[in-house]
């Protein structure tokens, strides 16, 4: 349908958002727009665009059968753009994103920092690397084994909530 919302989460109709980029009737105006079109290509199984949107030096390693299998065996749940940075004078940009997808009954988050290069006026995906999860640190006071349990039970921490630690 022409009025289907674009899978990239822009809120626009697919035909007014990523489709013109995927069908090569317009260039992606930014690394973020190219990243959104690549996510949409996974969701819509547009494997040719995934290869064509790679910088030429990266295309030899493109495994079309594997990419197509992943695209079709996954349910694409959305993409969140965390941050973008573009250095137009150097023809380079970065997009940090989290792509959510489901395989079988397992929901997965693919968190990546993608690098994009502008070549001949067009943006291309160059490479990406996984973003490590940040360590969550407990900011509250440390509870000692013999301190009263913070849950309010009246027991010592070691005999209550700390018993299995």
N, C-alpha and C. Protein backbone atom coordinates (compact mmCIF):
# COMPACT_ATOMS: atom_id res chain seq x y z
N UNK A 1 0.83 -1.20 0.00
CA UNK A 1 0.00 0.00 0.00
C UNK A 1 0.87 1.25 0.00
N UNK A 2 0.44 2.25 -0.69
CA UNK A 2 1.21 3.49 -0.80
C UNK A 2 1.25 4.24 0.52
N UNK A 3 0.28 4.05 1.38
CA UNK A 3 0.21 4.80 2.62
C UNK A 3 0.81 4.07 3.81
N UNK A 4 1.45 2.91 3.58
CA UNK A 4 2.09 2.19 4.68
C UNK A 4 3.15 3.07 5.31
N UNK A 5 3.21 3.04 6.64
CA UNK A 5 4.26 3.79 7.33
C UNK A 5 5.61 3.14 7.07
N UNK A 6 6.61 3.96 6.98
CA UNK A 6 7.96 3.48 6.73
C UNK A 6 8.47 2.72 7.96
N UNK A 7 9.09 1.57 7.78
CA UNK A 7 9.62 0.82 8.92
C UNK A 7 10.69 1.56 9.72
N UNK A 8 11.28 2.61 9.14
CA UNK A 8 12.37 3.32 9.83
C UNK A 8 11.90 4.14 11.02
N UNK A 9 10.59 4.25 11.22
CA UNK A 9 10.08 4.97 12.39
C UNK A 9 9.96 6.47 12.23
N UNK A 10 10.10 6.97 11.02
CA UNK A 10 10.02 8.42 10.79
C UNK A 10 8.61 8.96 10.96
N UNK A 11 7.61 8.08 10.85
CA UNK A 11 6.22 8.52 10.88
C UNK A 11 5.70 8.90 9.50
N UNK A 12 6.57 8.87 8.50
CA UNK A 12 6.17 9.19 7.13
C UNK A 12 5.76 7.91 6.40
N UNK A 13 5.03 8.09 5.31
CA UNK A 13 4.69 6.96 4.45
C UNK A 13 5.97 6.45 3.79
N UNK A 14 6.04 5.15 3.61
CA UNK A 14 7.21 4.52 2.98
C UNK A 14 7.55 5.19 1.65
N UNK A 15 6.52 5.47 0.84
CA UNK A 15 6.76 6.06 -0.48
C UNK A 15 7.33 7.48 -0.41
N UNK A 16 7.19 8.14 0.74
CA UNK A 16 7.71 9.50 0.93
C UNK A 16 8.97 9.53 1.78
N UNK A 17 9.46 8.36 2.17
CA UNK A 17 10.57 8.31 3.11
C UNK A 17 11.73 7.51 2.51
N UNK A 18 11.82 6.24 2.85
CA UNK A 18 12.97 5.42 2.44
C UNK A 18 12.86 4.83 1.04
N UNK A 19 11.64 4.65 0.53
CA UNK A 19 11.50 4.01 -0.78
C UNK A 19 12.27 4.73 -1.88
N UNK A 20 12.20 6.07 -2.00
CA UNK A 20 12.95 6.73 -3.08
C UNK A 20 14.47 6.52 -2.95
N UNK A 21 14.96 6.38 -1.73
CA UNK A 21 16.39 6.13 -1.53
C UNK A 21 16.71 4.69 -1.95
N UNK A 22 15.91 3.74 -1.48
CA UNK A 22 16.12 2.33 -1.81
C UNK A 22 15.99 2.07 -3.30
N UNK A 23 15.05 2.74 -3.95
CA UNK A 23 14.83 2.56 -5.40
C UNK A 23 15.76 3.44 -6.24
N UNK A 24 16.63 4.19 -5.58
CA UNK A 24 17.66 5.03 -6.20
C UNK A 24 17.10 6.17 -7.05
N UNK A 25 15.92 6.67 -6.67
CA UNK A 25 15.41 7.84 -7.38
C UNK A 25 15.85 9.13 -6.69
N UNK A 26 16.41 8.99 -5.48
CA UNK A 26 16.98 10.13 -4.77
C UNK A 26 18.13 9.63 -3.92
N UNK A 27 19.07 10.53 -3.64
CA UNK A 27 20.20 10.18 -2.78
C UNK A 27 19.82 10.42 -1.31
N UNK A 28 20.38 9.61 -0.44
CA UNK A 28 20.20 9.85 1.00
C UNK A 28 20.89 11.16 1.33
N UNK A 29 20.19 12.11 1.97
CA UNK A 29 20.78 13.41 2.25
C UNK A 29 21.78 13.40 3.42
N UNK A 30 21.81 12.31 4.18
CA UNK A 30 22.68 12.27 5.37
C UNK A 30 22.98 10.82 5.72
N UNK A 31 24.00 10.61 6.56
CA UNK A 31 24.25 9.25 7.04
C UNK A 31 23.04 8.65 7.77
N UNK A 32 22.33 9.48 8.54
CA UNK A 32 21.15 8.96 9.25
C UNK A 32 20.08 8.48 8.27
N UNK A 33 19.83 9.25 7.21
CA UNK A 33 18.83 8.84 6.22
C UNK A 33 19.26 7.54 5.53
N UNK A 34 20.56 7.40 5.26
CA UNK A 34 21.04 6.16 4.65
C UNK A 34 20.87 4.99 5.63
N UNK A 35 21.19 5.22 6.91
CA UNK A 35 21.04 4.15 7.90
C UNK A 35 19.58 3.73 8.01
N UNK A 36 18.67 4.70 8.04
CA UNK A 36 17.25 4.37 8.12
C UNK A 36 16.81 3.57 6.88
N UNK A 37 17.34 3.93 5.71
CA UNK A 37 16.98 3.19 4.49
C UNK A 37 17.54 1.77 4.53
N UNK A 38 18.70 1.59 5.13
CA UNK A 38 19.27 0.24 5.24
C UNK A 38 18.45 -0.61 6.20
N UNK A 39 18.02 -0.02 7.32
CA UNK A 39 17.15 -0.76 8.24
C UNK A 39 15.85 -1.16 7.51
N UNK A 40 15.27 -0.22 6.80
CA UNK A 40 14.04 -0.47 6.07
C UNK A 40 14.26 -1.56 5.02
N UNK A 41 15.44 -1.57 4.39
CA UNK A 41 15.74 -2.60 3.40
C UNK A 41 15.75 -3.99 4.04
N UNK A 42 16.24 -4.10 5.27
CA UNK A 42 16.16 -5.39 5.96
C UNK A 42 14.69 -5.76 6.19
N UNK A 43 13.91 -4.81 6.64
CA UNK A 43 12.50 -5.08 6.95
C UNK A 43 11.70 -5.44 5.70
N UNK A 44 12.06 -4.86 4.56
CA UNK A 44 11.32 -5.09 3.31
C UNK A 44 12.04 -6.05 2.37
N UNK A 45 13.12 -6.65 2.84
CA UNK A 45 13.87 -7.66 2.08
C UNK A 45 14.41 -7.10 0.76
N UNK A 46 14.89 -5.88 0.80
CA UNK A 46 15.48 -5.22 -0.38
C UNK A 46 17.00 -5.43 -0.33
N UNK A 47 17.41 -6.66 -0.57
CA UNK A 47 18.79 -7.07 -0.39
C UNK A 47 19.73 -6.35 -1.36
N UNK A 48 19.28 -6.09 -2.58
CA UNK A 48 20.13 -5.38 -3.54
C UNK A 48 20.55 -4.02 -3.00
N UNK A 49 19.64 -3.33 -2.30
CA UNK A 49 19.98 -2.01 -1.76
C UNK A 49 21.03 -2.14 -0.65
N UNK A 50 20.94 -3.20 0.13
CA UNK A 50 21.92 -3.38 1.20
C UNK A 50 23.33 -3.50 0.61
N UNK A 51 23.46 -4.16 -0.51
CA UNK A 51 24.77 -4.26 -1.16
C UNK A 51 25.13 -2.94 -1.85
N UNK A 52 24.20 -2.36 -2.58
CA UNK A 52 24.48 -1.13 -3.32
C UNK A 52 24.80 0.05 -2.42
N UNK A 53 24.30 0.04 -1.18
CA UNK A 53 24.54 1.15 -0.26
C UNK A 53 25.85 0.99 0.51
N UNK A 54 26.56 -0.10 0.27
CA UNK A 54 27.90 -0.27 0.84
C UNK A 54 28.92 0.50 0.00
N UNK A 55 29.92 1.05 0.66
CA UNK A 55 31.01 1.66 -0.09
C UNK A 55 31.64 0.55 -0.96
N UNK A 56 32.04 0.88 -2.16
CA UNK A 56 32.52 -0.10 -3.14
C UNK A 56 33.62 -1.01 -2.57
N UNK A 57 34.49 -0.47 -1.72
CA UNK A 57 35.59 -1.27 -1.15
C UNK A 57 35.09 -2.35 -0.19
N UNK A 58 33.83 -2.28 0.22
CA UNK A 58 33.28 -3.21 1.20
C UNK A 58 32.37 -4.28 0.57
N UNK A 59 32.12 -4.21 -0.70
CA UNK A 59 31.12 -5.09 -1.34
C UNK A 59 31.59 -6.52 -1.57
N UNK A 60 32.90 -6.74 -1.66
CA UNK A 60 33.40 -8.09 -1.95
C UNK A 60 33.00 -9.09 -0.87
N UNK A 61 32.90 -8.65 0.38
CA UNK A 61 32.57 -9.55 1.49
C UNK A 61 31.08 -9.71 1.72
N UNK A 62 30.24 -9.06 0.91
CA UNK A 62 28.80 -9.11 1.11
C UNK A 62 28.28 -10.50 0.77
N UNK A 63 27.68 -11.16 1.75
CA UNK A 63 27.16 -12.52 1.59
C UNK A 63 25.65 -12.44 1.39
N UNK A 64 25.25 -12.26 0.13
CA UNK A 64 23.84 -12.04 -0.20
C UNK A 64 22.91 -13.13 0.34
N UNK A 65 23.21 -14.43 0.18
CA UNK A 65 22.30 -15.45 0.71
C UNK A 65 22.11 -15.37 2.23
N UNK A 66 23.19 -15.11 2.96
CA UNK A 66 23.08 -15.00 4.42
C UNK A 66 22.29 -13.77 4.84
N UNK A 67 22.54 -12.66 4.17
CA UNK A 67 21.81 -11.42 4.49
C UNK A 67 20.33 -11.60 4.19
N UNK A 68 20.02 -12.21 3.06
CA UNK A 68 18.61 -12.43 2.72
C UNK A 68 17.94 -13.36 3.73
N UNK A 69 18.63 -14.41 4.14
CA UNK A 69 18.07 -15.33 5.13
C UNK A 69 17.78 -14.60 6.44
N UNK A 70 18.74 -13.79 6.90
CA UNK A 70 18.56 -13.04 8.15
C UNK A 70 17.38 -12.08 8.02
N UNK A 71 17.31 -11.41 6.88
CA UNK A 71 16.23 -10.46 6.64
C UNK A 71 14.86 -11.14 6.71
N UNK A 72 14.74 -12.28 6.07
CA UNK A 72 13.45 -12.96 5.98
C UNK A 72 13.10 -13.76 7.24
N UNK A 73 14.09 -14.20 8.00
CA UNK A 73 13.84 -14.99 9.20
C UNK A 73 13.67 -14.13 10.44
N UNK A 74 13.73 -12.83 10.28
CA UNK A 74 13.59 -11.91 11.41
C UNK A 74 12.33 -11.07 11.26
N UNK A 75 11.76 -10.74 12.40
CA UNK A 75 10.64 -9.78 12.44
C UNK A 75 11.25 -8.47 12.91
N UNK A 76 11.18 -7.45 12.08
CA UNK A 76 11.85 -6.18 12.35
C UNK A 76 10.93 -5.29 13.18
N UNK A 77 11.39 -4.91 14.38
CA UNK A 77 10.55 -4.23 15.37
C UNK A 77 10.78 -2.73 15.47
N UNK A 78 11.88 -2.23 14.92
CA UNK A 78 12.11 -0.79 14.97
C UNK A 78 13.57 -0.45 15.10
N UNK A 79 13.87 0.80 14.82
CA UNK A 79 15.23 1.31 14.95
C UNK A 79 15.18 2.58 15.78
N UNK A 80 16.15 2.72 16.66
CA UNK A 80 16.30 3.94 17.46
C UNK A 80 17.65 4.54 17.13
N UNK A 81 17.64 5.78 16.67
CA UNK A 81 18.89 6.49 16.40
C UNK A 81 19.30 7.15 17.71
N UNK A 82 20.45 6.75 18.23
CA UNK A 82 20.95 7.28 19.51
C UNK A 82 21.65 8.62 19.31
N UNK A 83 22.53 8.68 18.31
CA UNK A 83 23.22 9.94 18.02
C UNK A 83 23.83 9.87 16.64
N UNK A 84 24.07 11.05 16.08
CA UNK A 84 24.71 11.14 14.77
C UNK A 84 25.78 12.22 14.84
N UNK A 85 26.79 12.05 13.99
CA UNK A 85 27.83 13.07 13.87
C UNK A 85 28.29 13.05 12.42
N UNK A 86 28.40 14.22 11.83
CA UNK A 86 28.84 14.32 10.44
C UNK A 86 29.92 15.37 10.34
N UNK A 87 31.00 15.02 9.65
CA UNK A 87 32.06 15.97 9.33
C UNK A 87 32.05 16.13 7.81
N UNK A 88 31.18 17.03 7.34
CA UNK A 88 30.98 17.22 5.90
C UNK A 88 32.28 17.54 5.19
N UNK A 89 33.16 18.34 5.81
CA UNK A 89 34.42 18.71 5.17
C UNK A 89 35.34 17.51 4.95
N UNK A 90 35.12 16.44 5.72
CA UNK A 90 35.92 15.22 5.57
C UNK A 90 35.14 14.08 4.90
N UNK A 91 33.88 14.38 4.52
CA UNK A 91 33.02 13.37 3.87
C UNK A 91 32.89 12.10 4.69
N UNK A 92 32.67 12.27 5.99
CA UNK A 92 32.54 11.12 6.88
C UNK A 92 31.44 11.40 7.91
N UNK A 93 30.77 10.36 8.32
CA UNK A 93 29.73 10.52 9.33
C UNK A 93 29.56 9.23 10.11
N UNK A 94 28.91 9.36 11.27
CA UNK A 94 28.67 8.21 12.13
C UNK A 94 27.23 8.23 12.62
N UNK A 95 26.65 7.07 12.77
CA UNK A 95 25.31 6.94 13.31
C UNK A 95 25.35 5.81 14.35
N UNK A 96 25.00 6.16 15.58
CA UNK A 96 24.84 5.13 16.61
C UNK A 96 23.36 4.79 16.66
N UNK A 97 23.07 3.50 16.56
CA UNK A 97 21.67 3.08 16.51
C UNK A 97 21.48 1.75 17.22
N UNK A 98 20.21 1.49 17.56
CA UNK A 98 19.81 0.19 18.09
C UNK A 98 18.68 -0.31 17.18
N UNK A 99 18.94 -1.42 16.50
CA UNK A 99 17.92 -2.07 15.68
C UNK A 99 17.33 -3.22 16.48
N UNK A 100 15.99 -3.23 16.60
CA UNK A 100 15.31 -4.30 17.34
C UNK A 100 14.66 -5.25 16.36
N UNK A 101 14.88 -6.54 16.62
CA UNK A 101 14.27 -7.55 15.76
C UNK A 101 14.02 -8.80 16.57
N UNK A 102 13.17 -9.64 16.05
CA UNK A 102 12.80 -10.86 16.73
C UNK A 102 13.13 -12.04 15.83
N UNK A 103 13.78 -13.04 16.41
CA UNK A 103 14.05 -14.29 15.71
C UNK A 103 13.43 -15.39 16.55
N UNK A 104 12.44 -16.07 15.97
CA UNK A 104 11.70 -17.05 16.76
C UNK A 104 10.98 -16.33 17.89
N UNK A 105 11.21 -16.78 19.11
CA UNK A 105 10.60 -16.14 20.28
C UNK A 105 11.56 -15.20 21.00
N UNK A 106 12.72 -14.95 20.42
CA UNK A 106 13.74 -14.14 21.09
C UNK A 106 13.82 -12.76 20.45
N UNK A 107 13.64 -11.72 21.28
CA UNK A 107 13.80 -10.34 20.81
C UNK A 107 15.24 -9.94 21.05
N UNK A 108 15.85 -9.36 20.04
CA UNK A 108 17.26 -8.97 20.13
C UNK A 108 17.41 -7.48 19.83
N UNK A 109 18.46 -6.89 20.41
CA UNK A 109 18.84 -5.52 20.13
C UNK A 109 20.22 -5.52 19.52
N UNK A 110 20.34 -4.94 18.34
CA UNK A 110 21.64 -4.82 17.68
C UNK A 110 22.07 -3.37 17.84
N UNK A 111 23.04 -3.11 18.73
CA UNK A 111 23.51 -1.76 19.04
C UNK A 111 24.85 -1.57 18.33
N UNK A 112 24.88 -0.61 17.42
CA UNK A 112 26.07 -0.44 16.57
C UNK A 112 26.39 1.02 16.35
N UNK A 113 27.67 1.29 16.11
CA UNK A 113 28.12 2.59 15.65
C UNK A 113 28.55 2.39 14.21
N UNK A 114 27.77 2.94 13.27
CA UNK A 114 28.06 2.79 11.85
C UNK A 114 28.86 3.97 11.34
N UNK A 115 29.81 3.68 10.45
CA UNK A 115 30.63 4.70 9.82
C UNK A 115 30.21 4.83 8.36
N UNK A 116 30.03 6.05 7.90
CA UNK A 116 29.55 6.33 6.55
C UNK A 116 30.53 7.26 5.85
N UNK A 117 30.74 7.03 4.55
CA UNK A 117 31.62 7.87 3.75
C UNK A 117 30.81 8.45 2.59
N UNK A 118 31.10 9.70 2.28
CA UNK A 118 30.47 10.35 1.13
C UNK A 118 31.43 10.27 -0.05
N UNK A 119 30.97 9.62 -1.11
CA UNK A 119 31.80 9.41 -2.30
C UNK A 119 31.00 9.88 -3.52
N UNK A 120 31.58 10.80 -4.26
CA UNK A 120 30.90 11.29 -5.46
C UNK A 120 29.54 11.91 -5.16
N UNK A 121 29.40 12.54 -4.00
CA UNK A 121 28.15 13.19 -3.62
C UNK A 121 27.12 12.29 -2.98
N UNK A 122 27.41 11.00 -2.86
CA UNK A 122 26.46 10.05 -2.26
C UNK A 122 27.05 9.43 -1.00
N UNK A 123 26.18 9.22 -0.01
CA UNK A 123 26.60 8.57 1.23
C UNK A 123 26.55 7.05 1.06
N UNK A 124 27.55 6.38 1.63
CA UNK A 124 27.63 4.92 1.63
C UNK A 124 27.99 4.43 3.02
N UNK A 125 27.49 3.25 3.36
CA UNK A 125 27.87 2.61 4.62
C UNK A 125 29.26 2.02 4.43
N UNK A 126 30.16 2.33 5.35
CA UNK A 126 31.52 1.81 5.26
C UNK A 126 31.74 0.62 6.18
N UNK A 127 31.44 0.81 7.47
CA UNK A 127 31.68 -0.27 8.43
C UNK A 127 30.93 0.06 9.72
N UNK A 128 30.77 -0.95 10.54
CA UNK A 128 30.12 -0.74 11.82
C UNK A 128 30.79 -1.58 12.89
N UNK A 129 30.65 -1.13 14.12
CA UNK A 129 31.16 -1.92 15.23
C UNK A 129 30.15 -1.91 16.36
N UNK A 130 30.08 -3.04 17.03
CA UNK A 130 29.13 -3.17 18.14
C UNK A 130 29.49 -2.18 19.25
N UNK A 131 28.46 -1.64 19.87
CA UNK A 131 28.65 -0.73 21.01
C UNK A 131 28.51 -1.56 22.27
N UNK A 132 29.52 -1.51 23.12
CA UNK A 132 29.48 -2.27 24.36
C UNK A 132 28.47 -1.64 25.31
N UNK A 133 27.78 -2.51 26.04
CA UNK A 133 26.83 -2.04 27.04
C UNK A 133 27.59 -1.38 28.19
N UNK A 134 27.04 -0.30 28.69
CA UNK A 134 27.66 0.38 29.82
C UNK A 134 27.40 -0.40 31.09
N UNK A 135 28.39 -0.40 31.97
CA UNK A 135 28.23 -1.03 33.27
C UNK A 135 27.32 -0.17 34.12
N UNK A 136 26.33 -0.80 34.72
CA UNK A 136 25.42 -0.07 35.60
C UNK A 136 25.99 -0.15 37.01
N UNK A 137 26.18 1.01 37.62
CA UNK A 137 26.74 1.05 38.96
C UNK A 137 25.66 1.46 39.95
N UNK A 138 25.60 0.73 41.06
CA UNK A 138 24.65 1.04 42.12
C UNK A 138 25.13 2.30 42.84
N UNK A 139 24.29 3.30 42.89
CA UNK A 139 24.67 4.59 43.47
C UNK A 139 24.31 4.71 44.95
N UNK A 140 23.47 3.80 45.44
CA UNK A 140 23.03 3.88 46.84
C UNK A 140 24.11 3.40 47.80
N UNK A 141 23.84 3.50 49.10
CA UNK A 141 24.82 3.05 50.08
C UNK A 141 24.99 1.53 50.00
N UNK A 142 26.21 1.08 50.31
CA UNK A 142 26.51 -0.34 50.32
C UNK A 142 25.92 -0.94 51.59
N UNK A 143 25.25 -2.08 51.44
CA UNK A 143 24.64 -2.75 52.58
C UNK A 143 25.59 -3.86 53.04
N UNK A 144 25.98 -3.84 54.30
CA UNK A 144 26.84 -4.89 54.85
C UNK A 144 26.03 -6.12 55.20
N UNK A 145 26.72 -7.26 55.31
CA UNK A 145 26.06 -8.53 55.60
C UNK A 145 25.26 -8.48 56.90
N UNK A 146 25.77 -7.78 57.89
CA UNK A 146 25.11 -7.75 59.21
C UNK A 146 24.20 -6.54 59.40
N UNK A 147 24.07 -5.71 58.36
CA UNK A 147 23.18 -4.54 58.44
C UNK A 147 21.73 -5.00 58.30
N UNK A 148 20.78 -4.18 58.79
CA UNK A 148 19.37 -4.52 58.58
C UNK A 148 19.07 -4.53 57.08
N UNK A 149 18.25 -5.46 56.65
CA UNK A 149 17.92 -5.58 55.24
C UNK A 149 17.13 -4.34 54.79
N UNK A 150 17.51 -3.75 53.64
CA UNK A 150 16.82 -2.55 53.16
C UNK A 150 15.38 -2.80 52.73
N UNK A 151 14.95 -4.08 52.63
CA UNK A 151 13.57 -4.37 52.21
C UNK A 151 12.59 -4.10 53.35
N UNK A 152 13.11 -3.91 54.57
CA UNK A 152 12.23 -3.59 55.70
C UNK A 152 11.72 -4.80 56.48
N UNK A 153 12.30 -5.97 56.24
CA UNK A 153 11.82 -7.18 56.92
C UNK A 153 12.19 -7.24 58.39
N UNK A 154 13.19 -6.48 58.80
CA UNK A 154 13.68 -6.53 60.18
C UNK A 154 14.79 -7.55 60.35
N UNK A 155 15.06 -8.35 59.36
CA UNK A 155 16.13 -9.35 59.42
C UNK A 155 17.45 -8.72 58.98
N UNK A 156 18.55 -9.42 59.32
CA UNK A 156 19.84 -8.99 58.80
C UNK A 156 19.86 -9.27 57.30
N UNK A 157 20.60 -8.44 56.58
CA UNK A 157 20.70 -8.57 55.13
C UNK A 157 21.13 -9.97 54.72
N UNK A 158 22.14 -10.55 55.44
CA UNK A 158 22.65 -11.86 55.07
C UNK A 158 21.62 -12.98 55.23
N UNK A 159 20.60 -12.77 56.08
CA UNK A 159 19.56 -13.78 56.30
C UNK A 159 18.32 -13.51 55.45
N UNK A 160 18.32 -12.37 54.72
CA UNK A 160 17.13 -11.99 53.94
C UNK A 160 17.51 -11.89 52.45
N UNK A 161 17.50 -10.70 51.92
CA UNK A 161 17.74 -10.49 50.49
C UNK A 161 19.17 -10.83 50.07
N UNK A 162 20.12 -10.83 51.00
CA UNK A 162 21.50 -11.17 50.67
C UNK A 162 21.82 -12.63 50.82
N UNK A 163 20.84 -13.46 51.15
CA UNK A 163 21.09 -14.86 51.42
C UNK A 163 21.59 -15.62 50.19
N UNK A 164 21.20 -15.22 49.02
CA UNK A 164 21.59 -15.95 47.81
C UNK A 164 22.73 -15.27 47.06
N UNK A 165 23.40 -14.36 47.70
CA UNK A 165 24.47 -13.62 47.00
C UNK A 165 25.82 -14.06 47.47
